[in-house]
Protein backbone atom coordinates (compact mmCIF):
# COMPACT_ATOMS: atom_id res chain seq x y z
CA UNK A 1 -8.90 70.04 34.99
CA UNK A 2 -6.25 69.79 32.29
CA UNK A 3 -3.28 71.66 31.22
CA UNK A 4 -4.99 73.68 28.68
CA UNK A 5 -7.77 74.98 31.57
CA UNK A 6 -4.72 75.86 34.01
CA UNK A 7 -3.71 77.75 31.10
CA UNK A 8 -6.54 79.87 30.68
CA UNK A 9 -6.86 80.29 34.08
CA UNK A 10 -3.52 82.00 34.79
CA UNK A 11 -4.13 84.30 31.64
CA UNK A 12 -7.29 85.65 32.70
CA UNK A 13 -6.03 86.30 36.56
CA UNK A 14 -2.25 85.22 37.48
CA UNK A 15 -2.88 86.00 41.17
CA UNK A 16 -6.09 84.24 41.64
CA UNK A 17 -5.19 81.68 39.21
CA UNK A 18 -2.08 80.78 41.07
CA UNK A 19 -4.20 79.93 44.24
CA UNK A 20 -6.42 77.77 42.46
CA UNK A 21 -3.77 75.99 40.76
CA UNK A 22 -2.09 75.55 44.25
CA UNK A 23 -5.44 74.16 45.75
CA UNK A 24 -5.79 72.21 42.62
CA UNK A 25 -2.47 70.25 43.46
CA UNK A 26 -3.03 69.97 47.00
CA UNK A 27 -6.52 68.11 46.45
CA UNK A 28 -4.62 65.98 43.78
CA UNK A 29 -1.85 64.88 46.33
CA UNK A 30 -4.53 64.25 48.71
CA UNK A 31 -6.47 61.93 46.38
CA UNK A 32 -3.37 59.93 45.35
CA UNK A 33 -2.23 59.94 48.89
CA UNK A 34 -5.69 58.27 49.71
CA UNK A 35 -5.15 55.84 46.38
CA UNK A 36 -2.07 54.66 48.11
CA UNK A 37 -3.67 54.17 51.46
CA UNK A 38 -6.46 51.52 49.57
CA UNK A 39 -9.52 54.30 49.91
CA UNK A 40 -10.87 57.19 47.87
CA UNK A 41 -12.50 60.07 49.93
CA UNK A 42 -15.85 59.07 48.82
CA UNK A 43 -15.57 55.57 50.33
CA UNK A 44 -16.57 56.89 54.04
CA UNK A 45 -20.18 56.53 55.20
CA UNK A 46 -22.44 58.96 56.36
CA UNK A 47 -22.47 59.66 60.16
CA UNK A 48 -24.72 58.08 62.53
CA UNK A 49 -28.13 59.73 62.19
CA UNK A 50 -29.83 61.86 64.74
CA UNK A 51 -33.27 60.74 63.80
CA UNK A 52 -34.59 59.23 67.17
CA UNK A 53 -37.04 57.17 65.54
CA UNK A 54 -34.80 55.68 63.78
CA UNK A 55 -32.41 55.08 66.42
CA UNK A 56 -35.20 52.95 68.27
CA UNK A 57 -36.35 51.41 65.42
CA UNK A 58 -32.69 49.90 65.33
CA UNK A 59 -33.03 48.57 68.93
CA UNK A 60 -36.44 47.17 68.34
CA UNK A 61 -37.27 43.77 68.62
CA UNK A 62 -39.42 43.90 65.49
CA UNK A 63 -36.50 43.87 63.60
CA UNK A 64 -35.02 41.16 65.14
CA UNK A 65 -35.55 37.08 64.38
CA UNK A 66 -36.55 35.38 67.69
CA UNK A 67 -34.82 32.52 68.79
CA UNK A 68 -36.89 29.60 69.16
CA UNK A 69 -35.86 28.20 72.66
CA UNK A 70 -37.70 29.99 75.50
CA UNK A 71 -35.24 30.48 77.96
CA UNK A 72 -32.50 31.78 75.41
CA UNK A 73 -35.06 34.22 73.63
CA UNK A 74 -35.92 35.33 77.38
CA UNK A 75 -32.16 36.56 77.54
CA UNK A 76 -31.80 37.68 74.08
CA UNK A 77 -34.55 38.06 71.91
CA UNK A 78 -33.21 37.01 68.81
CA UNK A 79 -30.46 38.33 66.08
CA UNK A 80 -31.33 41.57 64.05
CA UNK A 81 -29.36 43.60 61.48
CA UNK A 82 -25.74 44.05 62.19
CA UNK A 83 -25.30 41.29 64.68
CA UNK A 84 -22.80 38.74 64.83
CA UNK A 85 -23.24 35.70 67.08
CA UNK A 86 -20.53 32.93 67.91
CA UNK A 87 -21.64 29.87 68.79
CA UNK A 88 -18.83 27.65 70.54
CA UNK A 89 -18.36 24.29 72.80
CA UNK A 90 -16.25 21.38 72.84
CA UNK A 91 -15.60 19.24 70.00
CA UNK A 92 -18.52 16.83 69.07
CA UNK A 93 -21.12 18.65 71.44
CA UNK A 94 -24.00 18.88 68.92
CA UNK A 95 -23.31 22.68 67.77
CA UNK A 96 -24.44 21.80 64.10
CA UNK A 97 -26.97 20.54 65.43
CA UNK A 98 -27.80 23.31 67.67
CA UNK A 99 -27.73 26.01 65.11
CA UNK A 100 -29.63 23.88 62.50
CA UNK A 101 -32.47 23.61 65.17
CA UNK A 102 -32.34 27.58 65.55
CA UNK A 103 -32.97 27.72 61.82
CA UNK A 104 -34.88 25.16 60.82
CA UNK A 105 -37.07 23.55 63.65
CA UNK A 106 -40.45 25.08 64.33
CA UNK A 107 -40.56 28.73 64.98
CA UNK A 108 -36.98 28.78 63.98
CA UNK A 109 -35.71 31.66 62.03
CA UNK A 110 -37.01 30.16 58.74
CA UNK A 111 -40.65 29.65 59.66
CA UNK A 112 -40.68 33.14 60.97
CA UNK A 113 -39.97 34.44 57.81
CA UNK A 114 -36.18 34.99 57.46
CA UNK A 115 -34.23 33.62 54.35
CA UNK A 116 -31.40 31.81 56.02
CA UNK A 117 -27.89 30.72 53.96
CA UNK A 118 -25.96 28.08 55.74
CA UNK A 119 -22.31 27.69 54.77
CA UNK A 120 -20.66 24.36 56.07
CA UNK A 121 -17.10 23.03 55.59
CA UNK A 122 -17.54 20.61 58.13
CA UNK A 123 -19.92 17.67 57.72
CA UNK A 124 -21.46 16.63 54.55
CA UNK A 125 -24.01 19.26 53.83
CA UNK A 126 -26.65 16.64 52.09
CA UNK A 127 -26.24 15.23 56.21
CA UNK A 128 -27.02 18.60 57.64
CA UNK A 129 -29.78 19.20 55.24
CA UNK A 130 -31.31 15.68 56.40
CA UNK A 131 -30.83 17.24 60.09
CA UNK A 132 -33.01 19.99 59.03
CA UNK A 133 -35.74 17.96 57.60
CA UNK A 134 -35.80 15.95 60.73
CA UNK A 135 -35.72 19.22 63.02
CA UNK A 136 -38.90 21.04 60.86
CA UNK A 137 -40.80 17.50 61.21
CA UNK A 138 -39.96 16.32 64.56
CA UNK A 139 -39.12 13.29 62.83
CA UNK A 140 -36.59 10.52 63.79
CA UNK A 141 -34.01 9.48 61.18
CA UNK A 142 -35.57 5.97 60.85
CA UNK A 143 -39.20 7.68 60.60
CA UNK A 144 -37.93 9.76 57.65
CA UNK A 145 -36.42 6.54 56.26
CA UNK A 146 -39.89 4.85 56.29
CA UNK A 147 -42.11 7.72 54.62
CA UNK A 148 -39.30 10.17 52.78
CA UNK A 149 -42.22 11.58 50.97
CA UNK A 150 -44.13 12.88 53.83
CA UNK A 151 -41.14 14.11 55.67
CA UNK A 152 -40.12 16.31 52.80
CA UNK A 153 -43.73 17.39 52.07
CA UNK A 154 -43.78 18.41 55.74
CA UNK A 155 -40.42 20.30 55.38
CA UNK A 156 -41.75 22.06 51.83
CA UNK A 157 -42.95 24.77 54.06
CA UNK A 158 -39.55 26.12 55.18
CA UNK A 159 -37.81 25.02 51.90
CA UNK A 160 -37.42 27.95 50.28
CA UNK A 161 -36.08 29.79 53.26
CA UNK A 162 -33.25 27.75 53.43
CA UNK A 163 -30.50 27.30 51.11
CA UNK A 164 -27.74 25.40 51.96
CA UNK A 165 -24.06 25.14 50.35
CA UNK A 166 -20.94 23.57 50.91
CA UNK A 167 -17.59 25.68 51.12
CA UNK A 168 -14.69 23.34 51.89
CA UNK A 169 -11.96 25.06 49.80
CA UNK A 170 -13.84 28.57 49.69
CA UNK A 171 -11.82 31.63 51.07
CA UNK A 172 -13.23 34.83 52.66
CA UNK A 173 -13.67 36.81 49.25
CA UNK A 174 -15.79 33.92 47.68
CA UNK A 175 -17.99 33.77 51.25
CA UNK A 176 -18.86 37.56 50.74
CA UNK A 177 -19.42 37.00 47.17
CA UNK A 178 -21.88 34.05 47.33
CA UNK A 179 -23.52 35.94 50.64
CA UNK A 180 -23.92 39.25 47.85
CA UNK A 181 -25.57 37.11 45.01
CA UNK A 182 -27.96 34.97 47.64
CA UNK A 183 -28.91 38.21 49.70
CA UNK A 184 -30.21 36.14 53.16
CA UNK A 185 -31.21 37.59 56.34
CA UNK A 186 -29.10 35.52 58.14
CA UNK A 187 -25.95 33.76 57.32
CA UNK A 188 -24.93 30.61 59.27
CA UNK A 189 -21.09 29.70 58.90
CA UNK A 190 -19.89 26.44 60.35
CA UNK A 191 -17.14 26.31 60.87
CA UNK A 192 -16.08 30.21 60.54
CA UNK A 193 -12.30 28.85 61.54
CA UNK A 194 -12.16 26.63 58.77
CA UNK A 195 -12.69 29.36 56.29
CA UNK A 196 -9.51 30.75 54.22
CA UNK A 197 -8.39 33.83 54.98
CA UNK A 198 -5.47 35.51 53.26
CA UNK A 199 -2.22 36.35 55.21
CA UNK A 200 -0.38 34.73 58.20
CA UNK A 201 -1.71 34.42 61.70
CA UNK A 202 0.23 32.79 64.69
CA UNK A 203 -2.85 30.84 65.73
CA UNK A 204 -6.58 29.96 64.03
CA UNK A 205 -8.28 32.49 66.17
CA UNK A 206 -6.00 35.30 65.03
CA UNK A 207 -7.29 35.30 61.79
CA UNK A 208 -10.92 35.71 62.73
CA UNK A 209 -10.51 39.36 63.87
């Protein structure tokens, strides 16, 4: 609505137009207030569905990626859409090896058909990729060095489903943008607490909130 439109409204019916003008001004004020708070009225998603079939499908294991470790799978089948899993342990206790095995070892996420994006900011990602080759082939480092062509030929089955990227100097905005570009089913960040987050925080774990 512009000034000319308001003029026409007032001339046509001053009383009704006044009410419409007041309503318009109120709506504009709410819009300005929303923008100042960092959102628009249409920025909110639709309420949660009441479709029982959709609700049941959301918790179904068929939408989850099974863990390839039996004892773990018996407790928690595997991650599904929207799940957030944290792996923590003392330093140098093979956390990286554990998540690489979940993704790349036989019956892991990659072999099950999931597209996995591995973002690393600790060890050299080329070393991590070699771990993935070893995990899927079941070969030791010495065996891979002895016959690298055969090792990579075995790994080729899951290669398209595992994308690795070094993110040593990335902040969370760049991570989000890269995820949007790759469109993976599963994202592994090793280590999340080392990703740069804007702002000041009293301790490392606080910025993960």
